[in-house]
N, C-alpha and C. Protein backbone atom coordinates (compact mmCIF):
# COMPACT_ATOMS: atom_id res chain seq x y z
N UNK A 1 185.38 58.53 198.85
CA UNK A 1 186.51 57.82 199.75
C UNK A 1 187.71 58.98 199.21
N UNK A 2 187.22 60.13 198.59
CA UNK A 2 189.00 61.50 198.92
C UNK A 2 189.77 61.01 199.63
N UNK A 3 189.37 60.65 200.75
CA UNK A 3 190.86 60.97 201.93
C UNK A 3 191.68 59.63 201.67
N UNK A 4 190.82 58.65 200.97
CA UNK A 4 192.08 57.40 199.89
C UNK A 4 192.81 57.60 198.49
N UNK A 5 192.71 59.05 198.59
CA UNK A 5 192.89 58.90 196.85
C UNK A 5 194.50 58.72 196.58
N UNK A 6 194.91 59.41 197.27
CA UNK A 6 196.81 59.52 197.61
C UNK A 6 197.87 58.28 198.08
N UNK A 7 196.82 58.12 198.71
CA UNK A 7 196.92 56.85 198.81
C UNK A 7 197.34 55.68 198.41
N UNK A 8 196.07 55.39 198.02
CA UNK A 8 195.69 54.32 196.76
C UNK A 8 196.63 54.75 195.27
N UNK A 9 196.43 56.01 195.03
CA UNK A 9 197.25 56.46 193.21
C UNK A 9 199.41 55.75 193.57
N UNK A 10 199.90 55.92 195.32
CA UNK A 10 200.84 55.96 195.64
C UNK A 10 201.19 54.05 194.75
N UNK A 11 199.79 53.33 195.70
CA UNK A 11 200.40 52.41 195.32
C UNK A 11 199.60 51.62 194.17
N UNK A 12 198.61 52.10 193.58
CA UNK A 12 198.86 52.03 192.34
C UNK A 12 199.91 52.06 191.61
N UNK A 13 200.43 53.18 191.14
CA UNK A 13 201.68 53.03 190.79
C UNK A 13 203.34 52.52 191.43
N UNK A 14 203.03 51.71 192.36
CA UNK A 14 203.95 51.01 192.31
C UNK A 14 203.77 49.73 191.86
N UNK A 15 202.79 48.67 191.41
CA UNK A 15 202.66 47.97 191.41
C UNK A 15 202.17 47.67 190.15
N UNK A 16 201.94 48.68 189.01
CA UNK A 16 201.90 49.47 187.70
C UNK A 16 203.61 49.34 187.30
N UNK A 17 203.85 49.92 187.66
CA UNK A 17 205.33 49.92 187.56
C UNK A 17 206.30 48.66 187.77
N UNK A 18 206.25 47.87 189.42
CA UNK A 18 206.81 46.63 188.82
C UNK A 18 206.36 45.78 187.84
N UNK A 19 205.08 45.76 187.30
CA UNK A 19 204.86 44.84 186.17
C UNK A 19 205.41 45.05 184.97
N UNK A 20 205.83 46.91 184.99
CA UNK A 20 205.88 47.26 183.92
C UNK A 20 207.41 46.96 183.64
N UNK A 21 208.81 47.22 185.03
CA UNK A 21 209.64 46.49 184.37
C UNK A 21 209.51 44.95 183.97
N UNK A 22 208.85 44.85 184.90
CA UNK A 22 209.62 42.91 185.56
C UNK A 22 208.83 42.11 184.33
N UNK A 23 207.83 41.99 184.10
CA UNK A 23 206.82 41.00 182.68
C UNK A 23 207.20 41.98 181.27
N UNK A 24 207.22 40.14 181.24
CA UNK A 24 207.34 40.62 178.93
C UNK A 24 205.85 41.25 178.50
N UNK A 25 204.78 40.39 179.12
CA UNK A 25 204.11 40.35 178.67
C UNK A 25 202.59 41.22 179.43
N UNK A 26 201.44 41.12 179.02
CA UNK A 26 200.42 41.95 179.32
C UNK A 26 200.34 42.15 180.91
N UNK A 27 199.68 43.03 181.63
CA UNK A 27 199.94 43.63 183.12
C UNK A 27 198.45 44.72 182.46
N UNK A 28 197.63 44.21 184.28
CA UNK A 28 196.30 44.68 184.86
C UNK A 28 196.36 45.72 185.84
N UNK A 29 195.69 46.36 186.05
CA UNK A 29 195.06 46.96 187.06
C UNK A 29 194.21 47.00 187.65
N UNK A 30 193.33 46.23 188.53
CA UNK A 30 191.42 46.15 189.50
C UNK A 30 192.22 47.17 190.79
N UNK A 31 191.00 48.06 190.49
CA UNK A 31 190.87 48.40 191.46
C UNK A 31 188.77 48.19 191.85
N UNK A 32 188.96 48.21 193.32
CA UNK A 32 187.32 47.68 193.66
C UNK A 32 187.25 47.92 195.89
N UNK A 33 185.96 48.15 195.60
CA UNK A 33 185.48 48.87 197.03
C UNK A 33 185.51 47.62 197.79
N UNK A 34 186.11 47.42 198.68
CA UNK A 34 186.49 46.60 199.70
C UNK A 34 185.40 46.62 200.97
N UNK A 35 184.81 47.53 200.73
CA UNK A 35 183.42 47.93 202.42
C UNK A 35 184.63 48.28 203.46
N UNK A 36 183.95 49.15 204.26
CA UNK A 36 184.95 49.50 205.42
C UNK A 36 185.62 50.49 205.07
N UNK A 37 184.97 51.75 204.21
CA UNK A 37 185.92 52.74 203.94
C UNK A 37 187.74 52.08 203.09
N UNK A 38 187.22 50.28 202.95
CA UNK A 38 188.83 50.27 202.22
C UNK A 38 188.76 50.27 200.89
N UNK A 39 189.63 50.07 200.21
CA UNK A 39 189.94 50.21 198.85
C UNK A 39 190.56 48.83 198.34
N UNK A 40 190.87 48.08 197.53
CA UNK A 40 191.23 47.15 197.31
C UNK A 40 192.12 47.29 195.65
N UNK A 41 193.21 47.17 195.67
CA UNK A 41 193.63 47.58 194.36
C UNK A 41 194.90 46.01 193.55
N UNK A 42 194.79 45.46 192.87
CA UNK A 42 195.15 44.42 191.99
C UNK A 42 196.28 44.80 191.00
N UNK A 43 196.93 44.32 190.90
CA UNK A 43 197.83 44.50 189.90
C UNK A 43 198.17 42.50 189.04
N UNK A 44 198.17 41.77 188.29
CA UNK A 44 198.18 40.66 187.62
C UNK A 44 198.95 41.29 186.21
N UNK A 45 199.94 40.65 186.50
CA UNK A 45 201.36 40.76 185.06
C UNK A 45 201.67 39.06 184.89
N UNK A 46 202.23 38.71 184.05
CA UNK A 46 202.75 37.60 182.99
C UNK A 46 203.29 36.68 183.63
N UNK A 47 204.65 38.00 185.01
CA UNK A 47 205.96 37.10 185.60
C UNK A 47 205.45 36.19 187.00
N UNK A 48 205.74 35.00 186.93
CA UNK A 48 205.37 34.35 187.99
C UNK A 48 206.03 34.70 189.09
N UNK A 49 207.03 35.11 189.08
CA UNK A 49 207.99 35.56 190.61
C UNK A 49 207.33 36.15 191.21
N UNK A 50 207.21 35.79 192.41
CA UNK A 50 206.98 37.18 193.80
C UNK A 50 207.40 37.72 194.08
N UNK A 51 207.65 39.39 193.43
CA UNK A 51 208.61 40.22 194.74
C UNK A 51 208.59 40.31 196.41
N UNK A 52 210.15 40.42 196.47
CA UNK A 52 209.82 40.88 198.22
C UNK A 52 209.39 42.20 197.92
N UNK A 53 208.26 42.43 198.90
CA UNK A 53 208.24 42.59 200.46
C UNK A 53 206.75 41.49 200.47
N UNK A 54 206.10 40.96 198.99
CA UNK A 54 204.77 39.66 199.36
C UNK A 54 205.45 38.39 199.47
N UNK A 55 207.12 38.55 199.49
CA UNK A 55 207.14 37.25 200.07
C UNK A 55 207.59 37.53 201.53
N UNK A 56 206.40 37.10 202.69
CA UNK A 56 206.74 37.39 203.48
C UNK A 56 207.95 37.06 204.62
N UNK A 57 208.73 36.36 203.87
CA UNK A 57 210.51 35.78 204.79
C UNK A 57 211.59 37.09 204.45
N UNK A 58 211.13 37.81 203.87
CA UNK A 58 210.92 39.29 203.42
C UNK A 58 211.75 40.48 204.42
N UNK A 59 212.97 40.69 204.13
CA UNK A 59 213.17 41.84 205.24
C UNK A 59 213.39 43.21 204.62
N UNK A 60 213.09 44.49 205.11
CA UNK A 60 213.43 45.56 204.31
C UNK A 60 214.54 45.72 203.99
N UNK A 61 215.03 46.53 202.41
CA UNK A 61 216.34 46.72 201.99
C UNK A 61 217.18 47.49 203.08
N UNK A 62 218.35 47.54 202.55
CA UNK A 62 219.10 47.86 202.96
C UNK A 62 219.45 49.49 202.86
N UNK A 63 220.01 50.46 203.76
CA UNK A 63 220.22 52.31 203.98
C UNK A 63 220.32 52.36 202.51
N UNK A 64 220.97 51.91 201.83
CA UNK A 64 221.42 52.67 200.85
C UNK A 64 221.19 51.96 198.97
N UNK A 65 220.53 49.97 199.52
CA UNK A 65 220.42 49.89 198.43
C UNK A 65 219.24 50.72 196.87
N UNK A 66 220.08 49.54 196.16
CA UNK A 66 219.47 50.65 194.79
C UNK A 66 218.43 49.90 194.47
N UNK A 67 218.39 49.28 194.49
CA UNK A 67 217.28 48.11 194.22
C UNK A 67 216.21 47.77 195.23
N UNK A 68 214.74 47.49 195.47
CA UNK A 68 214.16 47.16 196.14
C UNK A 68 213.26 47.59 197.04
N UNK A 69 213.75 49.36 196.79
CA UNK A 69 212.91 50.34 197.78
C UNK A 69 211.51 50.83 197.31
N UNK A 70 211.13 50.31 196.06
CA UNK A 70 209.68 50.63 195.56
C UNK A 70 208.54 49.86 196.47
N UNK A 71 208.50 48.61 196.28
CA UNK A 71 207.84 48.07 196.92
C UNK A 71 207.39 47.30 198.23
N UNK A 72 208.95 47.84 198.65
CA UNK A 72 208.88 47.91 200.13
C UNK A 72 208.03 49.64 200.78
N UNK A 73 207.48 50.33 200.05
CA UNK A 73 206.87 51.44 200.14
C UNK A 73 205.24 51.12 199.87
N UNK A 74 205.21 49.42 199.95
CA UNK A 74 203.68 49.72 199.45
C UNK A 74 203.26 49.23 201.83
N UNK A 75 204.62 48.74 202.00
CA UNK A 75 204.06 47.61 203.47
C UNK A 75 203.97 48.92 203.98
N UNK A 76 204.56 49.94 203.68
CA UNK A 76 204.68 51.52 204.89
C UNK A 76 203.30 52.01 204.54
N UNK A 77 202.63 51.91 203.52
CA UNK A 77 200.80 52.83 203.19
C UNK A 77 200.28 52.16 203.07
N UNK A 78 200.52 50.51 202.31
CA UNK A 78 198.85 49.06 202.53
C UNK A 78 199.33 49.15 203.48
N UNK A 79 197.49 48.62 204.40
CA UNK A 79 196.90 48.22 205.29
C UNK A 79 197.20 46.98 205.46
N UNK A 80 197.22 46.13 204.61
CA UNK A 80 197.24 45.13 203.88
C UNK A 80 197.52 44.78 202.62
N UNK A 81 198.71 43.64 202.83
CA UNK A 81 198.92 43.26 200.73
C UNK A 81 198.85 41.63 200.78
N UNK A 82 199.44 40.92 199.52
CA UNK A 82 198.90 39.38 199.79
C UNK A 82 199.48 39.77 198.04
N UNK A 83 200.02 37.97 197.48
CA UNK A 83 200.57 37.71 196.61
C UNK A 83 199.66 36.37 196.03
N UNK A 84 199.61 36.08 194.16
CA UNK A 84 199.36 34.73 194.67
C UNK A 84 199.38 34.30 193.15
N UNK A 85 200.43 33.43 193.48
CA UNK A 85 200.49 32.76 191.87
C UNK A 85 199.41 32.44 191.28
N UNK A 86 199.44 33.03 190.07
CA UNK A 86 198.12 32.35 188.52
C UNK A 86 198.93 31.69 187.93
N UNK A 87 198.26 29.68 187.75
CA UNK A 87 198.63 29.40 187.14
C UNK A 87 197.25 28.43 186.13
N UNK A 88 198.19 27.82 185.11
CA UNK A 88 197.00 27.21 184.28
C UNK A 88 196.20 28.14 183.37
N UNK A 89 195.66 28.05 183.68
CA UNK A 89 194.36 28.92 181.57
C UNK A 89 195.08 29.31 180.16
N UNK A 90 194.63 29.35 180.48
CA UNK A 90 194.86 29.76 178.62
C UNK A 90 196.54 29.82 178.71
N UNK A 91 197.55 29.99 177.68
CA UNK A 91 198.49 30.07 177.46
C UNK A 91 198.88 32.32 177.93
N UNK A 92 199.38 31.94 178.30
CA UNK A 92 200.20 33.47 178.48
C UNK A 92 198.95 34.06 179.61
N UNK A 93 198.05 33.12 180.63
CA UNK A 93 197.61 33.46 181.01
C UNK A 93 198.24 33.02 182.61
N UNK A 94 198.79 33.00 182.60
CA UNK A 94 199.87 32.55 183.52
C UNK A 94 200.40 33.34 185.20
N UNK A 95 201.58 33.46 185.22
CA UNK A 95 202.00 34.27 185.68
C UNK A 95 201.08 34.60 187.43
N UNK A 96 201.04 36.51 188.01
CA UNK A 96 200.52 36.30 189.56
C UNK A 96 199.86 37.78 189.77
N UNK A 97 199.27 37.45 190.79
CA UNK A 97 198.32 38.55 191.18
C UNK A 97 198.78 39.36 192.62
N UNK A 98 199.71 40.92 192.74
CA UNK A 98 199.76 41.43 193.80
C UNK A 98 198.39 42.15 194.41
N UNK A 99 197.88 41.81 195.09
CA UNK A 99 196.94 42.95 195.89
C UNK A 99 197.29 43.94 196.91
N UNK A 100 197.03 44.57 197.00
CA UNK A 100 197.25 46.28 198.92
C UNK A 100 195.67 46.33 199.15
N UNK A 101 195.20 46.36 199.88
CA UNK A 101 194.56 47.14 200.50
C UNK A 101 194.88 48.85 200.77
N UNK A 102 194.10 50.31 201.42
CA UNK A 102 194.06 50.80 202.04
C UNK A 102 193.06 51.47 202.52
N UNK A 103 192.73 52.58 204.02
CA UNK A 103 191.57 52.30 204.01
C UNK A 103 191.72 53.72 204.98
N UNK A 104 190.33 54.19 204.73
CA UNK A 104 190.52 55.71 205.78
C UNK A 104 190.69 55.10 207.03
N UNK A 105 191.48 56.08 207.79
CA UNK A 105 191.83 56.70 209.30
C UNK A 105 190.43 56.85 209.23
N UNK A 106 189.96 56.45 211.14
CA UNK A 106 188.88 57.47 211.87
C UNK A 106 189.22 58.68 211.85
N UNK A 107 188.70 59.79 212.43
CA UNK A 107 188.71 60.77 212.70
C UNK A 107 189.01 61.12 214.09
N UNK A 108 190.45 61.21 214.58
CA UNK A 108 190.31 61.68 216.11
C UNK A 108 190.14 62.66 216.96
N UNK A 109 189.59 63.26 216.06
CA UNK A 109 189.27 64.70 216.70
C UNK A 109 188.32 64.53 217.19
N UNK A 110 186.96 63.44 216.14
CA UNK A 110 186.26 63.13 216.79
C UNK A 110 185.97 61.92 217.67
N UNK A 111 186.76 61.20 217.08
CA UNK A 111 186.63 59.64 217.46
C UNK A 111 185.60 58.71 217.13
N UNK A 112 185.22 59.27 216.45
CA UNK A 112 184.26 58.33 215.02
C UNK A 112 184.52 57.64 214.04
N UNK A 113 184.66 56.69 214.12
CA UNK A 113 185.09 55.85 212.62
C UNK A 113 184.29 56.26 211.62
N UNK A 114 185.07 56.59 209.67
CA UNK A 114 184.97 56.56 208.36
C UNK A 114 183.09 55.90 208.69
């Protein structure tokens, strides 16, 4: 699925950067095949707050906003996205999981799905 490489790199970079900047503890990235020429990326971190745009009530940042634009890129490049609060478990194992999926686009010239 080499056609997903650039999009997957961008999405992983945005999610990991968010975890690095806003979490004081551990964080991790997981990537897996989501079927039908799709890849799912998930980033877990110890900060329990769900950022915009993963809170569905949020709107796009203002044109000249200095913050909040990076994760908004996720909504432009990901096919779908979501967040799960992580509670319980061992100390330090709470936090949240942010996930995104990207998909290969059909080849418009041939009219076939990948």
